[in-house]
């Protein structure tokens, strides 16, 4: 079965129920390494801007993989966009800042 044909089937109230097919995103093969945008994986440097630049470049290229290599990466909020995969390599640790004013509150 192809990725596009994947479907979740289950039962509801003992009646067979079929749910719509789950469509997996088509992520282009381009790789955007955050270190090429100025990120430093020392656990001390704020990499929020560098990660945002990598995401922006990836989005402008119509998608791909934003790579976070091995290291300790301090950052504030990360906002992804369509057709972008955030990939943390083996040995990568994303540490989010404790500067809570950096995180906008969602009003509902």
PDB file of N, CA and C in Angstrom:
ATOM      1  N   UNK A   1       0.856  -1.175   0.000  1.00  0.00           N
ATOM      2  CA  UNK A   1       0.000   0.000   0.000  1.00  0.00           C
ATOM      3  C   UNK A   1       0.897   1.230   0.000  1.00  0.00           C
ATOM      4  N   UNK A   2       0.610   2.187  -0.863  1.00  0.00           N
ATOM      5  CA  UNK A   2       1.423   3.395  -0.948  1.00  0.00           C
ATOM      6  C   UNK A   2       1.126   4.317   0.229  1.00  0.00           C
ATOM      7  N   UNK A   3       1.990   5.279   0.452  1.00  0.00           N
ATOM      8  CA  UNK A   3       1.773   6.247   1.537  1.00  0.00           C
ATOM      9  C   UNK A   3       0.447   6.959   1.377  1.00  0.00           C
ATOM     10  N   UNK A   4       0.089   7.267   0.135  1.00  0.00           N
ATOM     11  CA  UNK A   4      -1.143   7.995  -0.120  1.00  0.00           C
ATOM     12  C   UNK A   4      -2.381   7.145   0.144  1.00  0.00           C
ATOM     13  N   UNK A   5      -2.231   5.817   0.119  1.00  0.00           N
ATOM     14  CA  UNK A   5      -3.372   4.932   0.303  1.00  0.00           C
ATOM     15  C   UNK A   5      -3.581   4.506   1.757  1.00  0.00           C
ATOM     16  N   UNK A   6      -2.695   4.944   2.638  1.00  0.00           N
ATOM     17  CA  UNK A   6      -2.828   4.568   4.043  1.00  0.00           C
ATOM     18  C   UNK A   6      -4.146   5.076   4.604  1.00  0.00           C
ATOM     19  N   UNK A   7      -4.827   4.232   5.313  1.00  0.00           N
ATOM     20  CA  UNK A   7      -6.102   4.630   5.918  1.00  0.00           C
ATOM     21  C   UNK A   7      -6.203   3.991   7.291  1.00  0.00           C
ATOM     22  N   UNK A   8      -6.877   4.670   8.165  1.00  0.00           N
ATOM     23  CA  UNK A   8      -7.123   4.152   9.503  1.00  0.00           C
ATOM     24  C   UNK A   8      -8.519   3.556   9.515  1.00  0.00           C
ATOM     25  N   UNK A   9      -8.636   2.286   9.904  1.00  0.00           N
ATOM     26  CA  UNK A   9      -9.945   1.633   9.987  1.00  0.00           C
ATOM     27  C   UNK A   9     -10.195   1.255  11.440  1.00  0.00           C
ATOM     28  N   UNK A  10     -11.408   1.413  11.880  1.00  0.00           N
ATOM     29  CA  UNK A  10     -11.747   1.070  13.243  1.00  0.00           C
ATOM     30  C   UNK A  10     -13.216   0.739  13.342  1.00  0.00           C
ATOM     31  N   UNK A  11     -13.648   0.479  14.535  1.00  0.00           N
ATOM     32  CA  UNK A  11     -15.056   0.155  14.753  1.00  0.00           C
ATOM     33  C   UNK A  11     -15.657   1.176  15.703  1.00  0.00           C
ATOM     34  N   UNK A  12     -16.868   1.595  15.425  1.00  0.00           N
ATOM     35  CA  UNK A  12     -17.598   2.525  16.280  1.00  0.00           C
ATOM     36  C   UNK A  12     -18.952   1.907  16.577  1.00  0.00           C
ATOM     37  N   UNK A  13     -19.229   1.693  17.853  1.00  0.00           N
ATOM     38  CA  UNK A  13     -20.500   1.085  18.273  1.00  0.00           C
ATOM     39  C   UNK A  13     -20.736  -0.251  17.568  1.00  0.00           C
ATOM     40  N   UNK A  14     -19.693  -1.061  17.441  1.00  0.00           N
ATOM     41  CA  UNK A  14     -19.743  -2.378  16.804  1.00  0.00           C
ATOM     42  C   UNK A  14     -20.090  -2.332  15.327  1.00  0.00           C
ATOM     43  N   UNK A  15     -20.218  -1.186  14.732  1.00  0.00           N
ATOM     44  CA  UNK A  15     -20.423  -1.060  13.285  1.00  0.00           C
ATOM     45  C   UNK A  15     -19.075  -0.742  12.673  1.00  0.00           C
ATOM     46  N   UNK A  16     -18.788  -1.359  11.558  1.00  0.00           N
ATOM     47  CA  UNK A  16     -17.525  -1.061  10.891  1.00  0.00           C
ATOM     48  C   UNK A  16     -17.528   0.392  10.444  1.00  0.00           C
ATOM     49  N   UNK A  17     -16.473   1.083  10.756  1.00  0.00           N
ATOM     50  CA  UNK A  17     -16.341   2.482  10.347  1.00  0.00           C
ATOM     51  C   UNK A  17     -15.029   2.629   9.609  1.00  0.00           C
ATOM     52  N   UNK A  18     -15.036   3.340   8.534  1.00  0.00           N
ATOM     53  CA  UNK A  18     -13.817   3.615   7.803  1.00  0.00           C
ATOM     54  C   UNK A  18     -13.589   5.113   7.827  1.00  0.00           C
ATOM     55  N   UNK A  19     -12.408   5.484   8.228  1.00  0.00           N
ATOM     56  CA  UNK A  19     -12.058   6.888   8.318  1.00  0.00           C
ATOM     57  C   UNK A  19     -11.343   7.319   7.043  1.00  0.00           C
ATOM     58  N   UNK A  20     -11.326   8.600   6.761  1.00  0.00           N
ATOM     59  CA  UNK A  20     -10.643   9.074   5.547  1.00  0.00           C
ATOM     60  C   UNK A  20      -9.169   8.702   5.566  1.00  0.00           C
ATOM     61  N   UNK A  21      -8.621   8.550   4.400  1.00  0.00           N
ATOM     62  CA  UNK A  21      -7.202   8.212   4.274  1.00  0.00           C
ATOM     63  C   UNK A  21      -6.346   9.295   4.921  1.00  0.00           C
ATOM     64  N   UNK A  22      -5.295   8.872   5.576  1.00  0.00           N
ATOM     65  CA  UNK A  22      -4.346   9.798   6.180  1.00  0.00           C
ATOM     66  C   UNK A  22      -3.296  10.113   5.123  1.00  0.00           C
ATOM     67  N   UNK A  23      -3.239  11.353   4.717  1.00  0.00           N
ATOM     68  CA  UNK A  23      -2.286  11.758   3.691  1.00  0.00           C
ATOM     69  C   UNK A  23      -1.013  12.286   4.366  1.00  0.00           C
ATOM     70  N   UNK A  24       0.079  11.634   4.090  1.00  0.00           N
ATOM     71  CA  UNK A  24       1.349  12.087   4.633  1.00  0.00           C
ATOM     72  C   UNK A  24       1.877  13.240   3.785  1.00  0.00           C
ATOM     73  N   UNK A  25       2.551  14.199   4.410  1.00  0.00           N
ATOM     74  CA  UNK A  25       3.048  15.339   3.639  1.00  0.00           C
ATOM     75  C   UNK A  25       4.157  14.927   2.679  1.00  0.00           C
ATOM     76  N   UNK A  26       4.266  15.627   1.592  1.00  0.00           N
ATOM     77  CA  UNK A  26       5.333  15.411   0.626  1.00  0.00           C
ATOM     78  C   UNK A  26       6.427  16.433   0.926  1.00  0.00           C
ATOM     79  N   UNK A  27       7.481  15.990   1.603  1.00  0.00           N
ATOM     80  CA  UNK A  27       8.573  16.880   2.006  1.00  0.00           C
ATOM     81  C   UNK A  27       9.701  16.767   0.976  1.00  0.00           C
ATOM     82  N   UNK A  28      10.059  17.858   0.313  1.00  0.00           N
ATOM     83  CA  UNK A  28      11.166  17.812  -0.646  1.00  0.00           C
ATOM     84  C   UNK A  28      12.474  17.399   0.028  1.00  0.00           C
ATOM     85  N   UNK A  29      13.416  16.903  -0.743  1.00  0.00           N
ATOM     86  CA  UNK A  29      14.665  16.359  -0.216  1.00  0.00           C
ATOM     87  C   UNK A  29      15.736  17.374   0.156  1.00  0.00           C
ATOM     88  N   UNK A  30      15.458  18.658   0.038  1.00  0.00           N
ATOM     89  CA  UNK A  30      16.461  19.681   0.366  1.00  0.00           C
ATOM     90  C   UNK A  30      16.735  19.710   1.871  1.00  0.00           C
ATOM     91  N   UNK A  31      17.993  19.962   2.249  1.00  0.00           N
ATOM     92  CA  UNK A  31      18.379  20.011   3.665  1.00  0.00           C
ATOM     93  C   UNK A  31      18.927  21.403   3.981  1.00  0.00           C
ATOM     94  N   UNK A  32      18.438  21.971   5.090  1.00  0.00           N
ATOM     95  CA  UNK A  32      18.859  23.286   5.560  1.00  0.00           C
ATOM     96  C   UNK A  32      19.428  23.113   6.963  1.00  0.00           C
ATOM     97  N   UNK A  33      20.747  23.017   7.058  1.00  0.00           N
ATOM     98  CA  UNK A  33      21.455  22.816   8.325  1.00  0.00           C
ATOM     99  C   UNK A  33      21.495  24.149   9.068  1.00  0.00           C
ATOM    100  N   UNK A  34      21.009  24.171  10.302  1.00  0.00           N
ATOM    101  CA  UNK A  34      20.914  25.428  11.053  1.00  0.00           C
ATOM    102  C   UNK A  34      22.275  26.066  11.298  1.00  0.00           C
ATOM    103  N   UNK A  35      23.360  25.273  11.280  1.00  0.00           N
ATOM    104  CA  UNK A  35      24.685  25.864  11.503  1.00  0.00           C
ATOM    105  C   UNK A  35      25.091  26.773  10.351  1.00  0.00           C
ATOM    106  N   UNK A  36      24.538  26.534   9.156  1.00  0.00           N
ATOM    107  CA  UNK A  36      24.832  27.390   8.009  1.00  0.00           C
ATOM    108  C   UNK A  36      24.132  28.744   8.125  1.00  0.00           C
ATOM    109  N   UNK A  37      23.245  28.869   9.114  1.00  0.00           N
ATOM    110  CA  UNK A  37      22.508  30.117   9.348  1.00  0.00           C
ATOM    111  C   UNK A  37      22.948  30.770  10.659  1.00  0.00           C
ATOM    112  N   UNK A  38      24.080  30.296  11.202  1.00  0.00           N
ATOM    113  CA  UNK A  38      24.678  30.930  12.369  1.00  0.00           C
ATOM    114  C   UNK A  38      24.420  30.255  13.702  1.00  0.00           C
ATOM    115  N   UNK A  39      23.758  29.108  13.728  1.00  0.00           N
ATOM    116  CA  UNK A  39      23.473  28.433  15.002  1.00  0.00           C
ATOM    117  C   UNK A  39      24.743  27.823  15.583  1.00  0.00           C
ATOM    118  N   UNK A  40      24.831  27.873  16.901  1.00  0.00           N
ATOM    119  CA  UNK A  40      25.976  27.319  17.637  1.00  0.00           C
ATOM    120  C   UNK A  40      25.420  26.402  18.720  1.00  0.00           C
ATOM    121  N   UNK A  41      25.818  25.136  18.685  1.00  0.00           N
ATOM    122  CA  UNK A  41      25.280  24.125  19.597  1.00  0.00           C
ATOM    123  C   UNK A  41      26.056  23.960  20.878  1.00  0.00           C
ATOM    124  N   UNK A  42      26.271  25.062  21.588  1.00  0.00           N
ATOM    125  CA  UNK A  42      27.036  25.008  22.836  1.00  0.00           C
ATOM    126  C   UNK A  42      26.163  24.998  24.087  1.00  0.00           C
ATOM    127  N   UNK A  43      24.849  25.067  23.916  1.00  0.00           N
ATOM    128  CA  UNK A  43      23.941  25.084  25.060  1.00  0.00           C
ATOM    129  C   UNK A  43      23.807  26.441  25.716  1.00  0.00           C
ATOM    130  N   UNK A  44      24.560  27.423  25.255  1.00  0.00           N
ATOM    131  CA  UNK A  44      24.536  28.761  25.843  1.00  0.00           C
ATOM    132  C   UNK A  44      24.041  29.830  24.872  1.00  0.00           C
ATOM    133  N   UNK A  45      24.355  29.656  23.594  1.00  0.00           N
ATOM    134  CA  UNK A  45      24.014  30.644  22.572  1.00  0.00           C
ATOM    135  C   UNK A  45      22.540  30.546  22.211  1.00  0.00           C
ATOM    136  N   UNK A  46      21.857  31.685  22.157  1.00  0.00           N
ATOM    137  CA  UNK A  46      20.451  31.714  21.747  1.00  0.00           C
ATOM    138  C   UNK A  46      20.403  31.556  20.223  1.00  0.00           C
ATOM    139  N   UNK A  47      19.842  30.458  19.762  1.00  0.00           N
ATOM    140  CA  UNK A  47      19.787  30.145  18.337  1.00  0.00           C
ATOM    141  C   UNK A  47      18.437  30.433  17.698  1.00  0.00           C
ATOM    142  N   UNK A  48      17.572  31.161  18.377  1.00  0.00           N
ATOM    143  CA  UNK A  48      16.232  31.434  17.866  1.00  0.00           C
ATOM    144  C   UNK A  48      16.281  32.058  16.474  1.00  0.00           C
ATOM    145  N   UNK A  49      17.084  33.088  16.291  1.00  0.00           N
ATOM    146  CA  UNK A  49      17.157  33.776  14.998  1.00  0.00           C
ATOM    147  C   UNK A  49      17.742  32.879  13.909  1.00  0.00           C
ATOM    148  N   UNK A  50      18.776  32.114  14.228  1.00  0.00           N
ATOM    149  CA  UNK A  50      19.400  31.228  13.239  1.00  0.00           C
ATOM    150  C   UNK A  50      18.422  30.142  12.790  1.00  0.00           C
ATOM    151  N   UNK A  51      17.682  29.574  13.721  1.00  0.00           N
ATOM    152  CA  UNK A  51      16.693  28.545  13.366  1.00  0.00           C
ATOM    153  C   UNK A  51      15.588  29.163  12.521  1.00  0.00           C
ATOM    154  N   UNK A  52      15.163  30.361  12.865  1.00  0.00           N
ATOM    155  CA  UNK A  52      14.140  31.054  12.072  1.00  0.00           C
ATOM    156  C   UNK A  52      14.648  31.335  10.658  1.00  0.00           C
ATOM    157  N   UNK A  53      15.921  31.721  10.521  1.00  0.00           N
ATOM    158  CA  UNK A  53      16.477  31.966   9.187  1.00  0.00           C
ATOM    159  C   UNK A  53      16.504  30.681   8.354  1.00  0.00           C
ATOM    160  N   UNK A  54      16.855  29.560   8.983  1.00  0.00           N
ATOM    161  CA  UNK A  54      16.865  28.276   8.275  1.00  0.00           C
ATOM    162  C   UNK A  54      15.447  27.888   7.844  1.00  0.00           C
ATOM    163  N   UNK A  55      14.468  28.097   8.720  1.00  0.00           N
ATOM    164  CA  UNK A  55      13.073  27.801   8.389  1.00  0.00           C
ATOM    165  C   UNK A  55      12.596  28.715   7.266  1.00  0.00           C
ATOM    166  N   UNK A  56      12.961  29.986   7.320  1.00  0.00           N
ATOM    167  CA  UNK A  56      12.580  30.952   6.276  1.00  0.00           C
ATOM    168  C   UNK A  56      13.162  30.541   4.932  1.00  0.00           C
ATOM    169  N   UNK A  57      14.438  30.160   4.911  1.00  0.00           N
ATOM    170  CA  UNK A  57      15.075  29.734   3.660  1.00  0.00           C
ATOM    171  C   UNK A  57      14.418  28.464   3.126  1.00  0.00           C
ATOM    172  N   UNK A  58      14.114  27.541   4.003  1.00  0.00           N
ATOM    173  CA  UNK A  58      13.449  26.298   3.622  1.00  0.00           C
ATOM    174  C   UNK A  58      12.077  26.594   3.032  1.00  0.00           C
ATOM    175  N   UNK A  59      11.335  27.468   3.655  1.00  0.00           N
ATOM    176  CA  UNK A  59      10.006  27.852   3.173  1.00  0.00           C
ATOM    177  C   UNK A  59      10.097  28.544   1.821  1.00  0.00           C
ATOM    178  N   UNK A  60      11.074  29.439   1.660  1.00  0.00           N
ATOM    179  CA  UNK A  60      11.248  30.145   0.392  1.00  0.00           C
ATOM    180  C   UNK A  60      11.597  29.185  -0.741  1.00  0.00           C
ATOM    181  N   UNK A  61      12.237  28.053  -0.395  1.00  0.00           N
ATOM    182  CA  UNK A  61      12.593  27.037  -1.387  1.00  0.00           C
ATOM    183  C   UNK A  61      11.452  26.025  -1.583  1.00  0.00           C
ATOM    184  N   UNK A  62      10.310  26.317  -1.006  1.00  0.00           N
ATOM    185  CA  UNK A  62       9.113  25.476  -1.092  1.00  0.00           C
ATOM    186  C   UNK A  62       9.257  24.147  -0.367  1.00  0.00           C
ATOM    187  N   UNK A  63       9.992  24.179   0.752  1.00  0.00           N
ATOM    188  CA  UNK A  63      10.024  23.041   1.654  1.00  0.00           C
ATOM    189  C   UNK A  63      11.310  22.257   1.655  1.00  0.00           C
ATOM    190  N   UNK A  64      11.422  21.387   2.670  1.00  0.00           N
ATOM    191  CA  UNK A  64      12.585  20.539   2.852  1.00  0.00           C
ATOM    192  C   UNK A  64      12.745  20.194   4.316  1.00  0.00           C
ATOM    193  N   UNK A  65      13.956  19.790   4.675  1.00  0.00           N
ATOM    194  CA  UNK A  65      14.269  19.368   6.034  1.00  0.00           C
ATOM    195  C   UNK A  65      15.167  20.409   6.685  1.00  0.00           C
ATOM    196  N   UNK A  66      14.753  20.906   7.849  1.00  0.00           N
ATOM    197  CA  UNK A  66      15.603  21.785   8.655  1.00  0.00           C
ATOM    198  C   UNK A  66      16.321  20.866   9.632  1.00  0.00           C
ATOM    199  N   UNK A  67      17.628  20.781   9.475  1.00  0.00           N
ATOM    200  CA  UNK A  67      18.446  19.841  10.239  1.00  0.00           C
ATOM    201  C   UNK A  67      19.048  20.502  11.466  1.00  0.00           C
ATOM    202  N   UNK A  68      18.843  19.853  12.605  1.00  0.00           N
ATOM    203  CA  UNK A  68      19.483  20.264  13.854  1.00  0.00           C
ATOM    204  C   UNK A  68      20.502  19.167  14.173  1.00  0.00           C
ATOM    205  N   UNK A  69      21.793  19.435  13.946  1.00  0.00           N
ATOM    206  CA  UNK A  69      22.817  18.413  14.154  1.00  0.00           C
ATOM    207  C   UNK A  69      23.082  18.168  15.635  1.00  0.00           C
ATOM    208  N   UNK A  70      23.964  17.221  15.910  1.00  0.00           N
ATOM    209  CA  UNK A  70      24.333  16.907  17.292  1.00  0.00           C
ATOM    210  C   UNK A  70      24.832  18.163  17.995  1.00  0.00           C
ATOM    211  N   UNK A  71      24.440  18.324  19.236  1.00  0.00           N
ATOM    212  CA  UNK A  71      24.817  19.483  20.034  1.00  0.00           C
ATOM    213  C   UNK A  71      23.660  19.859  20.937  1.00  0.00           C
ATOM    214  N   UNK A  72      23.856  20.877  21.735  1.00  0.00           N
ATOM    215  CA  UNK A  72      22.794  21.392  22.607  1.00  0.00           C
ATOM    216  C   UNK A  72      22.409  22.754  22.061  1.00  0.00           C
ATOM    217  N   UNK A  73      21.149  22.880  21.640  1.00  0.00           N
ATOM    218  CA  UNK A  73      20.674  24.041  20.900  1.00  0.00           C
ATOM    219  C   UNK A  73      19.650  24.808  21.723  1.00  0.00           C
ATOM    220  N   UNK A  74      20.076  25.922  22.286  1.00  0.00           N
ATOM    221  CA  UNK A  74      19.185  26.791  23.054  1.00  0.00           C
ATOM    222  C   UNK A  74      18.373  27.629  22.082  1.00  0.00           C
ATOM    223  N   UNK A  75      17.059  27.690  22.275  1.00  0.00           N
ATOM    224  CA  UNK A  75      16.201  28.458  21.383  1.00  0.00           C
ATOM    225  C   UNK A  75      14.956  28.930  22.113  1.00  0.00           C
ATOM    226  N   UNK A  76      14.323  29.908  21.510  1.00  0.00           N
ATOM    227  CA  UNK A  76      12.995  30.338  21.930  1.00  0.00           C
ATOM    228  C   UNK A  76      11.975  29.574  21.097  1.00  0.00           C
ATOM    229  N   UNK A  77      10.813  30.166  20.859  1.00  0.00           N
ATOM    230  CA  UNK A  77       9.772  29.461  20.120  1.00  0.00           C
ATOM    231  C   UNK A  77      10.207  29.133  18.683  1.00  0.00           C
ATOM    232  N   UNK A  78       9.745  27.981  18.203  1.00  0.00           N
ATOM    233  CA  UNK A  78       9.990  27.551  16.826  1.00  0.00           C
ATOM    234  C   UNK A  78       8.643  27.494  16.124  1.00  0.00           C
ATOM    235  N   UNK A  79       8.521  28.207  15.007  1.00  0.00           N
ATOM    236  CA  UNK A  79       7.278  28.212  14.238  1.00  0.00           C
ATOM    237  C   UNK A  79       7.577  27.575  12.885  1.00  0.00           C
ATOM    238  N   UNK A  80       6.957  26.431  12.626  1.00  0.00           N
ATOM    239  CA  UNK A  80       7.172  25.742  11.356  1.00  0.00           C
ATOM    240  C   UNK A  80       6.173  26.212  10.316  1.00  0.00           C
ATOM    241  N   UNK A  81       6.437  25.865   9.092  1.00  0.00           N
ATOM    242  CA  UNK A  81       5.558  26.205   7.971  1.00  0.00           C
ATOM    243  C   UNK A  81       5.290  24.949   7.161  1.00  0.00           C
ATOM    244  N   UNK A  82       4.461  25.079   6.154  1.00  0.00           N
ATOM    245  CA  UNK A  82       4.097  23.935   5.309  1.00  0.00           C
ATOM    246  C   UNK A  82       5.315  23.344   4.614  1.00  0.00           C
ATOM    247  N   UNK A  83       5.277  22.032   4.430  1.00  0.00           N
ATOM    248  CA  UNK A  83       6.294  21.266   3.711  1.00  0.00           C
ATOM    249  C   UNK A  83       7.671  21.357   4.345  1.00  0.00           C
ATOM    250  N   UNK A  84       7.713  21.529   5.680  1.00  0.00           N
ATOM    251  CA  UNK A  84       8.985  21.589   6.395  1.00  0.00           C
ATOM    252  C   UNK A  84       9.006  20.497   7.457  1.00  0.00           C
ATOM    253  N   UNK A  85      10.091  19.740   7.458  1.00  0.00           N
ATOM    254  CA  UNK A  85      10.327  18.729   8.485  1.00  0.00           C
ATOM    255  C   UNK A  85      11.450  19.241   9.375  1.00  0.00           C
ATOM    256  N   UNK A  86      11.210  19.286  10.678  1.00  0.00           N
ATOM    257  CA  UNK A  86      12.252  19.646  11.637  1.00  0.00           C
ATOM    258  C   UNK A  86      12.885  18.338  12.088  1.00  0.00           C
ATOM    259  N   UNK A  87      14.159  18.153  11.778  1.00  0.00           N
ATOM    260  CA  UNK A  87      14.833  16.894  12.049  1.00  0.00           C
ATOM    261  C   UNK A  87      15.971  17.103  13.043  1.00  0.00           C
ATOM    262  N   UNK A  88      15.858  16.467  14.203  1.00  0.00           N
ATOM    263  CA  UNK A  88      16.931  16.493  15.195  1.00  0.00           C
ATOM    264  C   UNK A  88      17.773  15.235  15.004  1.00  0.00           C
ATOM    265  N   UNK A  89      19.035  15.405  14.642  1.00  0.00           N
ATOM    266  CA  UNK A  89      19.946  14.283  14.424  1.00  0.00           C
ATOM    267  C   UNK A  89      20.269  13.601  15.754  1.00  0.00           C
ATOM    268  N   UNK A  90      20.822  12.406  15.662  1.00  0.00           N
ATOM    269  CA  UNK A  90      21.266  11.694  16.868  1.00  0.00           C
ATOM    270  C   UNK A  90      22.242  12.590  17.622  1.00  0.00           C
ATOM    271  N   UNK A  91      22.043  12.731  18.916  1.00  0.00           N
ATOM    272  CA  UNK A  91      22.914  13.561  19.736  1.00  0.00           C
ATOM    273  C   UNK A  91      22.498  15.014  19.812  1.00  0.00           C
ATOM    274  N   UNK A  92      21.394  15.371  19.166  1.00  0.00           N
ATOM    275  CA  UNK A  92      20.896  16.756  19.221  1.00  0.00           C
ATOM    276  C   UNK A  92      19.916  16.897  20.376  1.00  0.00           C
ATOM    277  N   UNK A  93      20.052  17.968  21.114  1.00  0.00           N
ATOM    278  CA  UNK A  93      19.128  18.287  22.198  1.00  0.00           C
ATOM    279  C   UNK A  93      18.673  19.727  22.006  1.00  0.00           C
ATOM    280  N   UNK A  94      17.358  19.908  21.867  1.00  0.00           N
ATOM    281  CA  UNK A  94      16.793  21.247  21.739  1.00  0.00           C
ATOM    282  C   UNK A  94      16.363  21.683  23.130  1.00  0.00           C
ATOM    283  N   UNK A  95      16.953  22.759  23.610  1.00  0.00           N
ATOM    284  CA  UNK A  95      16.659  23.288  24.932  1.00  0.00           C
ATOM    285  C   UNK A  95      15.935  24.618  24.765  1.00  0.00           C
ATOM    286  N   UNK A  96      14.690  24.660  25.226  1.00  0.00           N
ATOM    287  CA  UNK A  96      13.902  25.874  25.050  1.00  0.00           C
ATOM    288  C   UNK A  96      14.176  26.864  26.170  1.00  0.00           C
ATOM    289  N   UNK A  97      14.291  28.114  25.787  1.00  0.00           N
ATOM    290  CA  UNK A  97      14.593  29.215  26.689  1.00  0.00           C
ATOM    291  C   UNK A  97      13.559  29.308  27.809  1.00  0.00           C
ATOM    292  N   UNK A  98      14.001  29.761  28.944  1.00  0.00           N
ATOM    293  CA  UNK A  98      13.094  29.997  30.077  1.00  0.00           C
ATOM    294  C   UNK A  98      12.649  31.458  30.126  1.00  0.00           C
ATOM    295  N   UNK A  99      12.927  32.204  29.078  1.00  0.00           N
ATOM    296  CA  UNK A  99      12.462  33.595  28.987  1.00  0.00           C
ATOM    297  C   UNK A  99      11.025  33.547  28.482  1.00  0.00           C
ATOM    298  N   UNK A 100      10.102  33.396  29.403  1.00  0.00           N
ATOM    299  CA  UNK A 100       8.710  33.139  29.063  1.00  0.00           C
ATOM    300  C   UNK A 100       8.054  34.283  28.292  1.00  0.00           C
ATOM    301  N   UNK A 101       8.605  35.480  28.385  1.00  0.00           N
ATOM    302  CA  UNK A 101       8.056  36.596  27.616  1.00  0.00           C
ATOM    303  C   UNK A 101       8.277  36.404  26.111  1.00  0.00           C
ATOM    304  N   UNK A 102       9.165  35.492  25.727  1.00  0.00           N
ATOM    305  CA  UNK A 102       9.416  35.198  24.313  1.00  0.00           C
ATOM    306  C   UNK A 102       8.300  34.369  23.679  1.00  0.00           C
ATOM    307  N   UNK A 103       7.487  33.738  24.507  1.00  0.00           N
ATOM    308  CA  UNK A 103       6.441  32.844  24.024  1.00  0.00           C
ATOM    309  C   UNK A 103       5.092  33.553  24.054  1.00  0.00           C
ATOM    310  N   UNK A 104       4.519  33.832  22.896  1.00  0.00           N
ATOM    311  CA  UNK A 104       3.222  34.515  22.886  1.00  0.00           C
ATOM    312  C   UNK A 104       2.118  33.599  23.401  1.00  0.00           C
ATOM    313  N   UNK A 105       1.159  34.187  24.089  1.00  0.00           N
ATOM    314  CA  UNK A 105       0.022  33.432  24.577  1.00  0.00           C
ATOM    315  C   UNK A 105      -1.031  33.371  23.489  1.00  0.00           C
ATOM    316  N   UNK A 106      -1.643  32.224  23.349  1.00  0.00           N
ATOM    317  CA  UNK A 106      -2.733  32.064  22.386  1.00  0.00           C
ATOM    318  C   UNK A 106      -4.033  32.400  23.096  1.00  0.00           C
ATOM    319  N   UNK A 107      -4.780  33.323  22.546  1.00  0.00           N
ATOM    320  CA  UNK A 107      -6.044  33.725  23.130  1.00  0.00           C
ATOM    321  C   UNK A 107      -7.156  32.985  22.396  1.00  0.00           C
ATOM    322  N   UNK A 108      -7.990  32.295  23.159  1.00  0.00           N
ATOM    323  CA  UNK A 108      -9.084  31.570  22.506  1.00  0.00           C
ATOM    324  C   UNK A 108     -10.426  32.084  22.981  1.00  0.00           C
TER     325      UNK A 108
END
